[in-house]
PDB file of N, CA and C in Angstrom:
ATOM      1  N   MET A   1       0.844  -1.182   0.000  1.00  0.00           N
ATOM      2  CA  MET A   1       0.000   0.000   0.000  1.00  0.00           C
ATOM      3  C   MET A   1       0.887   1.242   0.000  1.00  0.00           C
ATOM      4  N   ALA A   2       0.819   2.027  -0.989  1.00  0.00           N
ATOM      5  CA  ALA A   2       1.643   3.227  -1.093  1.00  0.00           C
ATOM      6  C   ALA A   2       1.188   4.288  -0.094  1.00  0.00           C
ATOM      7  N   GLY A   3       2.144   5.056   0.434  1.00  0.00           N
ATOM      8  CA  GLY A   3       1.830   6.145   1.348  1.00  0.00           C
ATOM      9  C   GLY A   3       1.468   5.696   2.745  1.00  0.00           C
ATOM     10  N   GLN A   4       1.719   4.452   3.071  1.00  0.00           N
ATOM     11  CA  GLN A   4       1.376   3.919   4.388  1.00  0.00           C
ATOM     12  C   GLN A   4       2.556   4.046   5.341  1.00  0.00           C
ATOM     13  N   CYS A   5       2.278   4.170   6.609  1.00  0.00           N
ATOM     14  CA  CYS A   5       3.293   4.120   7.671  1.00  0.00           C
ATOM     15  C   CYS A   5       4.438   5.101   7.432  1.00  0.00           C
ATOM     16  N   THR A   6       4.117   6.355   7.232  1.00  0.00           N
ATOM     17  CA  THR A   6       5.131   7.362   6.911  1.00  0.00           C
ATOM     18  C   THR A   6       5.323   8.412   8.005  1.00  0.00           C
ATOM     19  N   THR A   7       4.623   8.285   9.141  1.00  0.00           N
ATOM     20  CA  THR A   7       4.734   9.259  10.220  1.00  0.00           C
ATOM     21  C   THR A   7       5.705   8.726  11.269  1.00  0.00           C
ATOM     22  N   LYS A   8       6.824   9.425  11.462  1.00  0.00           N
ATOM     23  CA  LYS A   8       7.831   8.984  12.435  1.00  0.00           C
ATOM     24  C   LYS A   8       7.469   9.498  13.822  1.00  0.00           C
ATOM     25  N   VAL A   9       7.575   8.611  14.808  1.00  0.00           N
ATOM     26  CA  VAL A   9       7.290   8.954  16.202  1.00  0.00           C
ATOM     27  C   VAL A   9       8.410   8.412  17.087  1.00  0.00           C
ATOM     28  N   PRO A  10       8.588   8.999  18.295  1.00  0.00           N
ATOM     29  CA  PRO A  10       9.571   8.453  19.228  1.00  0.00           C
ATOM     30  C   PRO A  10       9.148   7.052  19.666  1.00  0.00           C
ATOM     31  N   GLY A  11      10.115   6.249  20.047  1.00  0.00           N
ATOM     32  CA  GLY A  11       9.821   4.901  20.500  1.00  0.00           C
ATOM     33  C   GLY A  11       9.329   4.840  21.935  1.00  0.00           C
ATOM     34  N   SER A  12       9.478   5.942  22.700  1.00  0.00           N
ATOM     35  CA  SER A  12       8.998   5.974  24.082  1.00  0.00           C
ATOM     36  C   SER A  12       8.713   7.410  24.484  1.00  0.00           C
ATOM     37  N   LEU A  13       8.007   7.574  25.577  1.00  0.00           N
ATOM     38  CA  LEU A  13       7.720   8.913  26.081  1.00  0.00           C
ATOM     39  C   LEU A  13       8.842   9.435  26.972  1.00  0.00           C
ATOM     40  N   GLY A  14       9.413   8.579  27.796  1.00  0.00           N
ATOM     41  CA  GLY A  14      10.393   9.007  28.785  1.00  0.00           C
ATOM     42  C   GLY A  14      11.717   9.458  28.216  1.00  0.00           C
ATOM     43  N   CYS A  15      12.170   8.812  27.206  1.00  0.00           N
ATOM     44  CA  CYS A  15      13.445   9.141  26.576  1.00  0.00           C
ATOM     45  C   CYS A  15      13.149   9.470  25.113  1.00  0.00           C
ATOM     46  N   LEU A  16      12.874  10.726  24.856  1.00  0.00           N
ATOM     47  CA  LEU A  16      12.407  11.112  23.520  1.00  0.00           C
ATOM     48  C   LEU A  16      13.438  10.886  22.425  1.00  0.00           C
ATOM     49  N   ALA A  17      14.712  10.751  22.815  1.00  0.00           N
ATOM     50  CA  ALA A  17      15.728  10.466  21.815  1.00  0.00           C
ATOM     51  C   ALA A  17      15.832   8.959  21.562  1.00  0.00           C
ATOM     52  N   SER A  18      14.866   8.214  22.104  1.00  0.00           N
ATOM     53  CA  SER A  18      14.906   6.765  21.962  1.00  0.00           C
ATOM     54  C   SER A  18      14.710   6.360  20.505  1.00  0.00           C
ATOM     55  N   CYS A  19      14.892   5.113  20.258  1.00  0.00           N
ATOM     56  CA  CYS A  19      14.705   4.596  18.903  1.00  0.00           C
ATOM     57  C   CYS A  19      13.303   4.942  18.419  1.00  0.00           C
ATOM     58  N   GLY A  20      13.200   5.436  17.220  1.00  0.00           N
ATOM     59  CA  GLY A  20      11.908   5.810  16.671  1.00  0.00           C
ATOM     60  C   GLY A  20      11.278   4.669  15.896  1.00  0.00           C
ATOM     61  N   THR A  21      10.070   4.941  15.452  1.00  0.00           N
ATOM     62  CA  THR A  21       9.359   3.987  14.621  1.00  0.00           C
ATOM     63  C   THR A  21       8.385   4.755  13.740  1.00  0.00           C
ATOM     64  N   TYR A  22       7.830   4.105  12.763  1.00  0.00           N
ATOM     65  CA  TYR A  22       6.858   4.735  11.876  1.00  0.00           C
ATOM     66  C   TYR A  22       5.477   4.157  12.119  1.00  0.00           C
ATOM     67  N   VAL A  23       4.473   5.016  12.064  1.00  0.00           N
ATOM     68  CA  VAL A  23       3.085   4.615  12.268  1.00  0.00           C
ATOM     69  C   VAL A  23       2.219   5.168  11.144  1.00  0.00           C
ATOM     70  N   GLN A  24       1.017   4.654  11.063  1.00  0.00           N
ATOM     71  CA  GLN A  24       0.070   5.139  10.058  1.00  0.00           C
ATOM     72  C   GLN A  24      -0.400   6.543  10.399  1.00  0.00           C
ATOM     73  N   THR A  25      -0.775   6.736  11.650  1.00  0.00           N
ATOM     74  CA  THR A  25      -1.202   8.050  12.111  1.00  0.00           C
ATOM     75  C   THR A  25      -0.761   8.240  13.560  1.00  0.00           C
ATOM     76  N   ALA A  26      -0.332   9.437  13.896  1.00  0.00           N
ATOM     77  CA  ALA A  26       0.175   9.713  15.243  1.00  0.00           C
ATOM     78  C   ALA A  26      -0.862  10.397  16.124  1.00  0.00           C
ATOM     79  N   SER A  27      -2.076  10.560  15.671  1.00  0.00           N
ATOM     80  CA  SER A  27      -3.066  11.347  16.422  1.00  0.00           C
ATOM     81  C   SER A  27      -3.313  10.800  17.829  1.00  0.00           C
ATOM     82  N   ILE A  28      -3.504   9.511  17.985  1.00  0.00           N
ATOM     83  CA  ILE A  28      -3.737   8.934  19.312  1.00  0.00           C
ATOM     84  C   ILE A  28      -2.464   9.038  20.151  1.00  0.00           C
ATOM     85  N   LEU A  29      -1.317   8.765  19.543  1.00  0.00           N
ATOM     86  CA  LEU A  29      -0.047   8.873  20.269  1.00  0.00           C
ATOM     87  C   LEU A  29       0.207  10.307  20.715  1.00  0.00           C
ATOM     88  N   ASN A  30      -0.135  11.282  19.885  1.00  0.00           N
ATOM     89  CA  ASN A  30       0.035  12.687  20.258  1.00  0.00           C
ATOM     90  C   ASN A  30      -0.848  13.048  21.449  1.00  0.00           C
ATOM     91  N   GLU A  31      -2.072  12.527  21.488  1.00  0.00           N
ATOM     92  CA  GLU A  31      -2.966  12.774  22.621  1.00  0.00           C
ATOM     93  C   GLU A  31      -2.399  12.167  23.908  1.00  0.00           C
ATOM     94  N   ILE A  32      -1.862  10.958  23.809  1.00  0.00           N
ATOM     95  CA  ILE A  32      -1.250  10.312  24.973  1.00  0.00           C
ATOM     96  C   ILE A  32      -0.062  11.142  25.454  1.00  0.00           C
ATOM     97  N   ALA A  33       0.782  11.595  24.525  1.00  0.00           N
ATOM     98  CA  ALA A  33       1.953  12.402  24.890  1.00  0.00           C
ATOM     99  C   ALA A  33       1.531  13.724  25.533  1.00  0.00           C
ATOM    100  N   LYS A  34       0.465  14.340  25.033  1.00  0.00           N
ATOM    101  CA  LYS A  34      -0.035  15.587  25.622  1.00  0.00           C
ATOM    102  C   LYS A  34      -0.524  15.369  27.047  1.00  0.00           C
ATOM    103  N   ARG A  35      -1.261  14.300  27.251  1.00  0.00           N
ATOM    104  CA  ARG A  35      -1.771  13.995  28.588  1.00  0.00           C
ATOM    105  C   ARG A  35      -0.613  13.676  29.533  1.00  0.00           C
ATOM    106  N   TRP A  36       0.358  12.930  29.050  1.00  0.00           N
ATOM    107  CA  TRP A  36       1.535  12.560  29.827  1.00  0.00           C
ATOM    108  C   TRP A  36       2.276  13.816  30.283  1.00  0.00           C
ATOM    109  N   ALA A  37       2.449  14.764  29.354  1.00  0.00           N
ATOM    110  CA  ALA A  37       3.137  16.018  29.677  1.00  0.00           C
ATOM    111  C   ALA A  37       2.299  16.876  30.627  1.00  0.00           C
ATOM    112  N   SER A  38       0.983  16.925  30.428  1.00  0.00           N
ATOM    113  CA  SER A  38       0.128  17.754  31.288  1.00  0.00           C
ATOM    114  C   SER A  38       0.105  17.247  32.729  1.00  0.00           C
ATOM    115  N   GLU A  39       0.399  15.967  32.931  1.00  0.00           N
ATOM    116  CA  GLU A  39       0.480  15.401  34.276  1.00  0.00           C
ATOM    117  C   GLU A  39       1.865  15.607  34.891  1.00  0.00           C
ATOM    118  N   GLY A  40       2.786  16.234  34.147  1.00  0.00           N
ATOM    119  CA  GLY A  40       4.120  16.534  34.661  1.00  0.00           C
ATOM    120  C   GLY A  40       5.129  15.407  34.501  1.00  0.00           C
ATOM    121  N   CYS A  41       4.736  14.355  33.807  1.00  0.00           N
ATOM    122  CA  CYS A  41       5.636  13.208  33.659  1.00  0.00           C
ATOM    123  C   CYS A  41       6.881  13.548  32.847  1.00  0.00           C
ATOM    124  N   ASP A  42       6.793  14.550  31.986  1.00  0.00           N
ATOM    125  CA  ASP A  42       7.938  14.923  31.157  1.00  0.00           C
ATOM    126  C   ASP A  42       9.005  15.679  31.937  1.00  0.00           C
ATOM    127  N   SER A  43       8.681  16.114  33.154  1.00  0.00           N
ATOM    128  CA  SER A  43       9.654  16.872  33.939  1.00  0.00           C
ATOM    129  C   SER A  43      10.412  16.002  34.948  1.00  0.00           C
ATOM    130  N   ILE A  44      10.132  14.708  34.962  1.00  0.00           N
ATOM    131  CA  ILE A  44      10.826  13.798  35.869  1.00  0.00           C
ATOM    132  C   ILE A  44      12.191  13.451  35.274  1.00  0.00           C
ATOM    133  N   ALA A  45      13.247  13.586  36.098  1.00  0.00           N
ATOM    134  CA  ALA A  45      14.600  13.260  35.625  1.00  0.00           C
ATOM    135  C   ALA A  45      14.706  11.758  35.359  1.00  0.00           C
ATOM    136  N   ARG A  46      15.298  11.405  34.229  1.00  0.00           N
ATOM    137  CA  ARG A  46      15.462  10.008  33.847  1.00  0.00           C
ATOM    138  C   ARG A  46      16.877   9.757  33.381  1.00  0.00           C
ATOM    139  N   LEU A  47      17.322   8.531  33.554  1.00  0.00           N
ATOM    140  CA  LEU A  47      18.580   8.094  32.966  1.00  0.00           C
ATOM    141  C   LEU A  47      18.213   7.330  31.702  1.00  0.00           C
ATOM    142  N   CYS A  48      18.458   7.934  30.585  1.00  0.00           N
ATOM    143  CA  CYS A  48      18.135   7.295  29.309  1.00  0.00           C
ATOM    144  C   CYS A  48      19.402   6.658  28.747  1.00  0.00           C
ATOM    145  N   PRO A  49      19.318   5.405  28.385  1.00  0.00           N
ATOM    146  CA  PRO A  49      20.513   4.718  27.891  1.00  0.00           C
ATOM    147  C   PRO A  49      20.968   5.244  26.530  1.00  0.00           C
ATOM    148  N   ALA A  50      22.272   5.308  26.359  1.00  0.00           N
ATOM    149  CA  ALA A  50      22.840   5.654  25.054  1.00  0.00           C
ATOM    150  C   ALA A  50      23.032   4.330  24.315  1.00  0.00           C
ATOM    151  N   ILE A  51      22.027   3.954  23.563  1.00  0.00           N
ATOM    152  CA  ILE A  51      22.058   2.660  22.888  1.00  0.00           C
ATOM    153  C   ILE A  51      22.126   2.844  21.384  1.00  0.00           C
ATOM    154  N   ALA A  52      22.619   1.844  20.730  1.00  0.00           N
ATOM    155  CA  ALA A  52      22.642   1.875  19.271  1.00  0.00           C
ATOM    156  C   ALA A  52      21.297   1.387  18.761  1.00  0.00           C
ATOM    157  N   CYS A  53      20.718   2.138  17.882  1.00  0.00           N
ATOM    158  CA  CYS A  53      19.438   1.767  17.277  1.00  0.00           C
ATOM    159  C   CYS A  53      19.640   1.567  15.781  1.00  0.00           C
ATOM    160  N   ILE A  54      18.762   0.840  15.207  1.00  0.00           N
ATOM    161  CA  ILE A  54      18.715   0.773  13.753  1.00  0.00           C
ATOM    162  C   ILE A  54      17.806   1.919  13.322  1.00  0.00           C
ATOM    163  N   ALA A  55      18.343   2.836  12.539  1.00  0.00           N
ATOM    164  CA  ALA A  55      17.566   3.991  12.113  1.00  0.00           C
ATOM    165  C   ALA A  55      16.411   3.531  11.232  1.00  0.00           C
ATOM    166  N   PRO A  56      15.171   3.707  11.712  1.00  0.00           N
ATOM    167  CA  PRO A  56      14.050   3.251  10.906  1.00  0.00           C
ATOM    168  C   PRO A  56      13.866   4.121   9.668  1.00  0.00           C
ATOM    169  N   GLN A  57      13.430   3.507   8.638  1.00  0.00           N
ATOM    170  CA  GLN A  57      13.058   4.219   7.424  1.00  0.00           C
ATOM    171  C   GLN A  57      11.562   4.048   7.282  1.00  0.00           C
ATOM    172  N   SER A  58      10.958   4.848   6.472  1.00  0.00           N
ATOM    173  CA  SER A  58       9.524   4.759   6.278  1.00  0.00           C
ATOM    174  C   SER A  58       9.135   3.303   6.051  1.00  0.00           C
ATOM    175  N   GLY A  59       8.136   2.856   6.778  1.00  0.00           N
ATOM    176  CA  GLY A  59       7.748   1.455   6.723  1.00  0.00           C
ATOM    177  C   GLY A  59       6.691   1.157   5.682  1.00  0.00           C
ATOM    178  N   ASN A  60       6.186  -0.050   5.771  1.00  0.00           N
ATOM    179  CA  ASN A  60       5.084  -0.436   4.903  1.00  0.00           C
ATOM    180  C   ASN A  60       4.026  -1.121   5.743  1.00  0.00           C
ATOM    181  N   CYS A  61       2.856  -1.212   5.225  1.00  0.00           N
ATOM    182  CA  CYS A  61       1.734  -1.802   5.919  1.00  0.00           C
ATOM    183  C   CYS A  61       1.569  -3.221   5.393  1.00  0.00           C
ATOM    184  N   ALA A  62       1.643  -4.209   6.291  1.00  0.00           N
ATOM    185  CA  ALA A  62       1.559  -5.598   5.852  1.00  0.00           C
ATOM    186  C   ALA A  62       0.976  -6.477   6.948  1.00  0.00           C
ATOM    187  N   VAL A  63       0.438  -7.604   6.540  1.00  0.00           N
ATOM    188  CA  VAL A  63      -0.048  -8.615   7.474  1.00  0.00           C
ATOM    189  C   VAL A  63       1.089  -9.607   7.674  1.00  0.00           C
ATOM    190  N   SER A  64       1.365  -9.952   8.935  1.00  0.00           N
ATOM    191  CA  SER A  64       2.429 -10.924   9.185  1.00  0.00           C
ATOM    192  C   SER A  64       1.991 -11.913  10.253  1.00  0.00           C
ATOM    193  N   GLY A  65       2.571 -13.084  10.225  1.00  0.00           N
ATOM    194  CA  GLY A  65       2.263 -14.114  11.209  1.00  0.00           C
ATOM    195  C   GLY A  65       0.800 -14.495  11.191  1.00  0.00           C
ATOM    196  N   SER A  66       0.223 -14.644  12.381  1.00  0.00           N
ATOM    197  CA  SER A  66      -1.174 -15.046  12.483  1.00  0.00           C
ATOM    198  C   SER A  66      -2.120 -13.848  12.531  1.00  0.00           C
ATOM    199  N   ALA A  67      -1.577 -12.641  12.417  1.00  0.00           N
ATOM    200  CA  ALA A  67      -2.413 -11.435  12.447  1.00  0.00           C
ATOM    201  C   ALA A  67      -3.317 -11.374  11.224  1.00  0.00           C
ATOM    202  N   SER A  68      -4.489 -10.796  11.416  1.00  0.00           N
ATOM    203  CA  SER A  68      -5.390 -10.629  10.278  1.00  0.00           C
ATOM    204  C   SER A  68      -5.512  -9.162   9.879  1.00  0.00           C
ATOM    205  N   THR A  69      -4.974  -8.275  10.727  1.00  0.00           N
ATOM    206  CA  THR A  69      -5.020  -6.845  10.454  1.00  0.00           C
ATOM    207  C   THR A  69      -3.645  -6.356  10.040  1.00  0.00           C
ATOM    208  N   PRO A  70      -3.548  -5.585   8.960  1.00  0.00           N
ATOM    209  CA  PRO A  70      -2.239  -5.055   8.559  1.00  0.00           C
ATOM    210  C   PRO A  70      -1.675  -4.130   9.628  1.00  0.00           C
ATOM    211  N   MET A  71      -0.363  -4.180   9.817  1.00  0.00           N
ATOM    212  CA  MET A  71       0.332  -3.324  10.769  1.00  0.00           C
ATOM    213  C   MET A  71       1.553  -2.717  10.093  1.00  0.00           C
ATOM    214  N   CYS A  72       1.998  -1.567  10.599  1.00  0.00           N
ATOM    215  CA  CYS A  72       3.193  -0.935  10.065  1.00  0.00           C
ATOM    216  C   CYS A  72       4.411  -1.768  10.441  1.00  0.00           C
ATOM    217  N   GLN A  73       5.310  -1.929   9.492  1.00  0.00           N
ATOM    218  CA  GLN A  73       6.569  -2.609   9.720  1.00  0.00           C
ATOM    219  C   GLN A  73       7.677  -1.698   9.221  1.00  0.00           C
ATOM    220  N   ASN A  74       8.636  -1.389  10.096  1.00  0.00           N
ATOM    221  CA  ASN A  74       9.744  -0.510   9.718  1.00  0.00           C
ATOM    222  C   ASN A  74      10.643  -1.183   8.699  1.00  0.00           C
ATOM    223  N   SER A  75      11.164  -0.375   7.816  1.00  0.00           N
ATOM    224  CA  SER A  75      12.228  -0.809   6.912  1.00  0.00           C
ATOM    225  C   SER A  75      13.486  -0.155   7.443  1.00  0.00           C
ATOM    226  N   SER A  76      14.386  -0.910   8.068  1.00  0.00           N
ATOM    227  CA  SER A  76      15.563  -0.296   8.669  1.00  0.00           C
ATOM    228  C   SER A  76      16.818  -1.036   8.256  1.00  0.00           C
ATOM    229  N   THR A  77      17.827  -0.242   7.909  1.00  0.00           N
ATOM    230  CA  THR A  77      19.087  -0.844   7.517  1.00  0.00           C
ATOM    231  C   THR A  77      20.295  -0.082   8.059  1.00  0.00           C
ATOM    232  N   THR A  78      20.121   1.140   8.508  1.00  0.00           N
ATOM    233  CA  THR A  78      21.233   1.979   8.911  1.00  0.00           C
ATOM    234  C   THR A  78      21.342   2.098  10.431  1.00  0.00           C
ATOM    235  N   PRO A  79      22.428   1.589  11.032  1.00  0.00           N
ATOM    236  CA  PRO A  79      22.587   1.746  12.484  1.00  0.00           C
ATOM    237  C   PRO A  79      22.790   3.209  12.849  1.00  0.00           C
ATOM    238  N   MET A  80      22.257   3.617  14.003  1.00  0.00           N
ATOM    239  CA  MET A  80      22.486   4.961  14.511  1.00  0.00           C
ATOM    240  C   MET A  80      22.762   4.840  15.990  1.00  0.00           C
ATOM    241  N   THR A  81      23.475   5.813  16.561  1.00  0.00           N
ATOM    242  CA  THR A  81      23.796   5.793  17.981  1.00  0.00           C
ATOM    243  C   THR A  81      23.142   6.979  18.644  1.00  0.00           C
ATOM    244  N   LEU A  82      22.537   6.745  19.786  1.00  0.00           N
ATOM    245  CA  LEU A  82      21.921   7.823  20.553  1.00  0.00           C
ATOM    246  C   LEU A  82      22.912   8.322  21.575  1.00  0.00           C
ATOM    247  N   ASN A  83      22.916   9.603  21.822  1.00  0.00           N
ATOM    248  CA  ASN A  83      23.790  10.176  22.831  1.00  0.00           C
ATOM    249  C   ASN A  83      22.967  10.743  23.965  1.00  0.00           C
TER     250      ASN A  83
END
């Protein structure tokens, strides 16, 4: 499916520099992030690991395994390091 899974989002709320991923739409995730921030969770000090991630590229929408609903799958080939 062309034009699918092209919105990049952080992989977690606590460590925004964490490994990212691509989704079909970020609207629900944006609402969760807004609520998380409004509760003050974004101001809590965290130790975020400096880990090597595979830099995700725009994904595609596909059915895999026993799933019956298509899901976004990242296309990733380039390692990246978080600082």
